[in-house]
């Protein structure tokens, strides 16, 4: 970068008068009307620019401190501001992407936990009821009969609704998806696999529960009285959906309380 003082031929401590005097001398030397040399035009323009910087106290102060002219300093500041704005924009975009990813992860964790809670509640309750084999219908108690029927109807509706929600979120119909589409499918399980898992888990819980109940028949008789196989089948049909409804309601309430 050309030194403006050196260009005018003055010291850095030169006064305004010395700068003006040096400029007049150089202007007479390089002015196009006086000097026919084509290069004198550029030289005259350069000398004039240097003079306007050094003769202005503010611009000269900036030049002495920063080594650049006011115009260059303003341009550099504008570039720095633009770079800072770009960094802030990209940082904001990155923060937004991270926050959206965390929000999706939290939502996915809740949905996954809800699905696991539903399956575990259904299987464990089926297993326990198959062991104990409590009676469902008491003909001598119409109120209990009515309560069980109402709860059973509500629980069946709830169980179907929540299973459909989980199936829609985690499964896809394999027969409706081409080979190329299947590779891009983000859902982890086929609907056939999910149905097989649900039915297999339910039947396994039922069979193991009945088997253990038969082995411990004396203990279950003391707890629930004399029961038949029909009582056992009716109980595993009625009580597990009701238990899922109750447990699921408590789980949803606990999630709502955590969000407060």
Protein backbone atom coordinates (compact mmCIF):
# COMPACT_ATOMS: atom_id res chain seq x y z
CA UNK A 1 0.00 0.00 0.00
CA UNK A 2 1.41 3.39 -1.01
CA UNK A 3 2.21 5.75 1.87
CA UNK A 4 0.24 8.97 1.33
CA UNK A 5 2.82 11.11 3.12
CA UNK A 6 5.55 9.66 0.96
CA UNK A 7 3.37 10.23 -2.10
CA UNK A 8 3.11 13.94 -1.31
CA UNK A 9 6.76 14.11 -0.20
CA UNK A 10 6.05 15.35 3.36
CA UNK A 11 6.77 14.08 6.87
CA UNK A 12 4.03 12.38 8.94
CA UNK A 13 4.20 15.40 11.27
CA UNK A 14 3.64 17.85 8.41
CA UNK A 15 1.24 20.72 9.06
CA UNK A 16 -1.81 21.55 6.96
CA UNK A 17 0.14 24.34 5.28
CA UNK A 18 3.00 22.00 4.36
CA UNK A 19 0.55 19.46 2.93
CA UNK A 20 -1.22 22.11 0.84
CA UNK A 21 2.09 23.51 -0.38
CA UNK A 22 3.31 20.05 -1.39
CA UNK A 23 0.07 19.34 -3.21
CA UNK A 24 0.19 22.62 -5.19
CA UNK A 25 3.74 21.85 -6.23
CA UNK A 26 2.84 18.35 -7.42
CA UNK A 27 -0.39 19.53 -9.06
CA UNK A 28 1.55 22.03 -11.19
CA UNK A 29 3.92 19.23 -12.11
CA UNK A 30 1.37 16.55 -13.05
CA UNK A 31 -1.71 18.51 -14.11
CA UNK A 32 -2.80 17.29 -17.59
CA UNK A 33 -2.97 20.86 -18.86
CA UNK A 34 0.70 21.30 -18.02
CA UNK A 35 2.18 17.81 -18.42
CA UNK A 36 1.45 16.10 -21.77
CA UNK A 37 2.67 12.71 -20.50
CA UNK A 38 -0.34 10.32 -20.52
CA UNK A 39 0.86 8.82 -17.23
CA UNK A 40 0.53 12.23 -15.58
CA UNK A 41 -3.28 11.88 -15.53
CA UNK A 42 -3.15 8.88 -13.18
CA UNK A 43 -0.38 10.46 -11.15
CA UNK A 44 -2.37 13.67 -10.73
CA UNK A 45 -5.46 11.71 -9.60
CA UNK A 46 -3.43 9.75 -7.06
CA UNK A 47 -1.82 12.90 -5.64
CA UNK A 48 -5.23 14.57 -5.42
CA UNK A 49 -6.72 11.61 -3.53
CA UNK A 50 -3.80 11.65 -1.09
CA UNK A 51 -4.20 15.37 -0.54
CA UNK A 52 -7.94 15.10 0.21
CA UNK A 53 -7.26 12.44 2.81
CA UNK A 54 -4.43 14.25 4.61
CA UNK A 55 -5.96 17.73 4.48
CA UNK A 56 -9.11 16.49 6.27
CA UNK A 57 -8.31 16.10 10.03
CA UNK A 58 -10.81 13.26 10.57
CA UNK A 59 -9.75 11.25 7.55
CA UNK A 60 -6.08 11.88 8.34
CA UNK A 61 -6.60 10.64 11.93
CA UNK A 62 -8.19 7.42 10.69
CA UNK A 63 -5.39 6.96 8.19
CA UNK A 64 -2.71 7.52 10.85
CA UNK A 65 -4.34 5.00 13.24
CA UNK A 66 -5.59 2.30 10.90
CA UNK A 67 -3.41 2.82 7.86
CA UNK A 68 -6.49 3.08 5.62
CA UNK A 69 -8.57 5.90 4.31
CA UNK A 70 -12.04 6.72 5.58
CA UNK A 71 -13.63 5.08 2.56
CA UNK A 72 -11.61 1.89 3.02
CA UNK A 73 -12.30 1.88 6.75
CA UNK A 74 -16.03 2.21 6.13
CA UNK A 75 -15.86 -0.55 3.50
CA UNK A 76 -13.99 -2.83 5.90
CA UNK A 77 -16.50 -2.14 8.66
CA UNK A 78 -19.33 -2.89 6.24
CA UNK A 79 -17.65 -6.15 5.25
CA UNK A 80 -17.12 -7.08 8.91
CA UNK A 81 -20.75 -6.29 9.68
CA UNK A 82 -21.86 -8.39 6.72
CA UNK A 83 -19.68 -11.31 7.87
CA UNK A 84 -21.03 -10.96 11.41
CA UNK A 85 -24.59 -10.90 10.08
CA UNK A 86 -23.94 -14.03 8.01
CA UNK A 87 -22.41 -15.80 11.01
CA UNK A 88 -25.39 -14.81 13.16
CA UNK A 89 -27.79 -16.04 10.47
CA UNK A 90 -26.08 -19.41 10.05
CA UNK A 91 -25.80 -19.79 13.82
CA UNK A 92 -29.51 -19.05 14.18
CA UNK A 93 -30.29 -21.60 11.47
CA UNK A 94 -28.09 -24.18 13.19
CA UNK A 95 -29.71 -23.47 16.57
CA UNK A 96 -33.15 -23.76 14.98
CA UNK A 97 -32.24 -27.09 13.38
CA UNK A 98 -30.86 -28.42 16.68
CA UNK A 99 -33.92 -27.27 18.61
CA UNK A 100 -36.24 -28.86 16.06
CA UNK A 101 -34.24 -32.10 16.22
CA UNK A 102 -34.37 -32.10 20.03
CA UNK A 103 -38.12 -31.43 19.95
CA UNK A 104 -38.63 -34.33 17.54
CA UNK A 105 -36.47 -36.58 19.72
CA UNK A 106 -38.45 -35.64 22.84
CA UNK A 107 -41.73 -36.28 21.04
CA UNK A 108 -40.44 -39.58 19.64
CA UNK A 109 -39.30 -40.62 23.13
CA UNK A 110 -42.77 -39.92 24.52
CA UNK A 111 -44.48 -41.84 21.72
CA UNK A 112 -42.09 -44.77 22.09
CA UNK A 113 -42.53 -44.80 25.86
CA UNK A 114 -46.31 -44.71 25.45
CA UNK A 115 -46.22 -47.65 23.02
CA UNK A 116 -43.97 -49.70 25.33
CA UNK A 117 -46.17 -48.83 28.30
CA UNK A 118 -49.27 -50.02 26.43
CA UNK A 119 -47.73 -53.32 25.32
CA UNK A 120 -46.19 -54.09 28.72
CA UNK A 121 -49.45 -53.27 30.51
CA UNK A 122 -51.44 -55.52 28.16
CA UNK A 123 -49.05 -58.48 28.36
CA UNK A 124 -48.34 -58.28 32.11
CA UNK A 125 -52.03 -57.90 32.99
CA UNK A 126 -52.97 -60.81 30.73
CA UNK A 127 -50.27 -62.93 32.36
CA UNK A 128 -51.36 -62.00 35.90
CA UNK A 129 -55.09 -62.46 35.22
CA UNK A 130 -54.46 -65.84 33.57
CA UNK A 131 -52.69 -66.96 36.74
CA UNK A 132 -55.27 -65.63 39.23
CA UNK A 133 -58.37 -66.23 37.05
CA UNK A 134 -60.79 -63.92 38.89
CA UNK A 135 -64.46 -64.21 38.11
CA UNK A 136 -65.93 -61.57 35.83
CA UNK A 137 -69.72 -61.76 36.14
CA UNK A 138 -71.41 -61.88 39.53
CA UNK A 139 -75.10 -62.47 38.93
CA UNK A 140 -75.90 -61.49 42.52
CA UNK A 141 -74.30 -58.05 42.04
CA UNK A 142 -75.85 -56.14 39.06
CA UNK A 143 -73.93 -52.95 39.91
CA UNK A 144 -70.57 -54.73 39.55
CA UNK A 145 -71.79 -56.32 36.34
CA UNK A 146 -72.77 -52.91 34.92
CA UNK A 147 -69.48 -51.25 35.94
CA UNK A 148 -67.43 -54.03 34.36
CA UNK A 149 -69.41 -53.89 31.11
CA UNK A 150 -69.09 -50.09 30.84
CA UNK A 151 -65.38 -50.17 31.67
CA UNK A 152 -64.85 -53.02 29.24
CA UNK A 153 -66.58 -51.18 26.38
CA UNK A 154 -64.59 -47.98 27.07
CA UNK A 155 -61.33 -49.90 27.40
CA UNK A 156 -61.86 -51.81 24.14
CA UNK A 157 -62.51 -48.54 22.30
CA UNK A 158 -59.43 -46.98 23.93
CA UNK A 159 -57.23 -50.00 23.18
CA UNK A 160 -58.25 -50.08 19.52
CA UNK A 161 -57.69 -46.35 19.18
CA UNK A 162 -54.26 -46.34 20.82
CA UNK A 163 -53.06 -49.46 18.98
CA UNK A 164 -54.11 -47.90 15.68
CA UNK A 165 -52.14 -44.76 16.58
CA UNK A 166 -49.01 -46.79 17.37
CA UNK A 167 -49.42 -48.94 14.24
CA UNK A 168 -49.78 -45.85 12.05
CA UNK A 169 -46.66 -44.32 13.58
CA UNK A 170 -44.35 -47.35 13.53
CA UNK A 171 -45.58 -49.65 10.76
CA UNK A 172 -46.23 -49.65 7.04
CA UNK A 173 -48.07 -51.95 4.67
CA UNK A 174 -45.38 -53.93 2.90
CA UNK A 175 -47.59 -55.13 0.05
CA UNK A 176 -48.36 -51.54 -0.96
CA UNK A 177 -44.74 -50.44 -1.13
CA UNK A 178 -42.37 -51.03 -4.04
CA UNK A 179 -38.80 -52.19 -3.60
CA UNK A 180 -37.39 -48.69 -4.11
CA UNK A 181 -39.92 -47.10 -1.77
CA UNK A 182 -39.30 -49.69 0.91
CA UNK A 183 -35.67 -48.67 1.17
CA UNK A 184 -36.68 -45.06 1.80
CA UNK A 185 -39.42 -45.92 4.34
CA UNK A 186 -38.57 -44.43 7.71
CA UNK A 187 -41.05 -46.59 9.64
CA UNK A 188 -39.18 -49.47 11.29
CA UNK A 189 -41.70 -52.35 11.11
CA UNK A 190 -44.12 -53.89 8.67
CA UNK A 191 -47.75 -54.08 9.74
CA UNK A 192 -47.67 -57.89 9.50
CA UNK A 193 -44.72 -58.05 11.89
CA UNK A 194 -46.44 -55.72 14.37
CA UNK A 195 -49.66 -57.76 14.32
CA UNK A 196 -47.65 -60.95 14.78
CA UNK A 197 -45.77 -59.46 17.71
CA UNK A 198 -48.96 -58.21 19.37
CA UNK A 199 -50.84 -61.48 18.92
CA UNK A 200 -47.82 -63.60 19.83
CA UNK A 201 -47.13 -61.59 22.99
CA UNK A 202 -50.77 -61.77 24.05
CA UNK A 203 -51.02 -65.55 23.44
CA UNK A 204 -47.67 -66.18 25.15
CA UNK A 205 -48.79 -64.19 28.20
CA UNK A 206 -52.09 -66.08 28.25
CA UNK A 207 -50.59 -69.55 27.83
CA UNK A 208 -47.79 -69.06 30.37
CA UNK A 209 -50.21 -67.49 32.82
CA UNK A 210 -52.68 -70.36 32.51
CA UNK A 211 -49.86 -72.88 32.87
CA UNK A 212 -48.52 -71.25 36.01
CA UNK A 213 -52.07 -70.88 37.33
CA UNK A 214 -52.65 -74.61 36.94
CA UNK A 215 -49.41 -75.39 38.76
CA UNK A 216 -50.33 -72.99 41.59
CA UNK A 217 -54.03 -73.90 41.54
CA UNK A 218 -54.30 -74.27 45.31
CA UNK A 219 -53.02 -70.72 45.85
CA UNK A 220 -55.28 -69.16 43.21
CA UNK A 221 -58.29 -71.05 44.59
CA UNK A 222 -57.76 -69.43 47.97
CA UNK A 223 -57.56 -66.02 46.30
CA UNK A 224 -60.38 -66.17 43.74
CA UNK A 225 -62.38 -69.26 44.66
CA UNK A 226 -63.33 -72.09 42.38
CA UNK A 227 -62.93 -71.05 38.74
CA UNK A 228 -63.28 -72.84 35.45
CA UNK A 229 -61.44 -72.49 32.16
CA UNK A 230 -64.35 -70.39 30.92
CA UNK A 231 -63.85 -68.03 33.88
CA UNK A 232 -60.17 -67.75 32.99
CA UNK A 233 -60.90 -66.97 29.34
CA UNK A 234 -63.54 -64.39 30.25
CA UNK A 235 -61.24 -62.73 32.78
CA UNK A 236 -58.33 -62.40 30.32
CA UNK A 237 -60.81 -60.96 27.83
CA UNK A 238 -62.25 -58.38 30.26
CA UNK A 239 -59.55 -57.26 32.67
CA UNK A 240 -56.42 -56.57 30.53
CA UNK A 241 -58.07 -53.85 28.37
CA UNK A 242 -59.47 -52.24 31.53
CA UNK A 243 -56.02 -52.32 33.13
CA UNK A 244 -54.49 -50.77 30.00
CA UNK A 245 -57.09 -47.97 30.13
CA UNK A 246 -56.32 -47.22 33.78
CA UNK A 247 -52.53 -47.42 33.43
CA UNK A 248 -52.54 -45.41 30.20
CA UNK A 249 -54.67 -42.69 31.81
CA UNK A 250 -52.24 -42.45 34.73
CA UNK A 251 -49.30 -42.30 32.32
CA UNK A 252 -50.86 -39.46 30.30
CA UNK A 253 -51.65 -37.54 33.48
CA UNK A 254 -48.03 -37.91 34.66
CA UNK A 255 -46.78 -36.55 31.30
CA UNK A 256 -49.10 -33.57 31.57
CA UNK A 257 -47.86 -32.86 35.09
CA UNK A 258 -44.23 -32.96 33.91
CA UNK A 259 -45.02 -30.32 31.27
CA UNK A 260 -46.42 -27.88 33.83
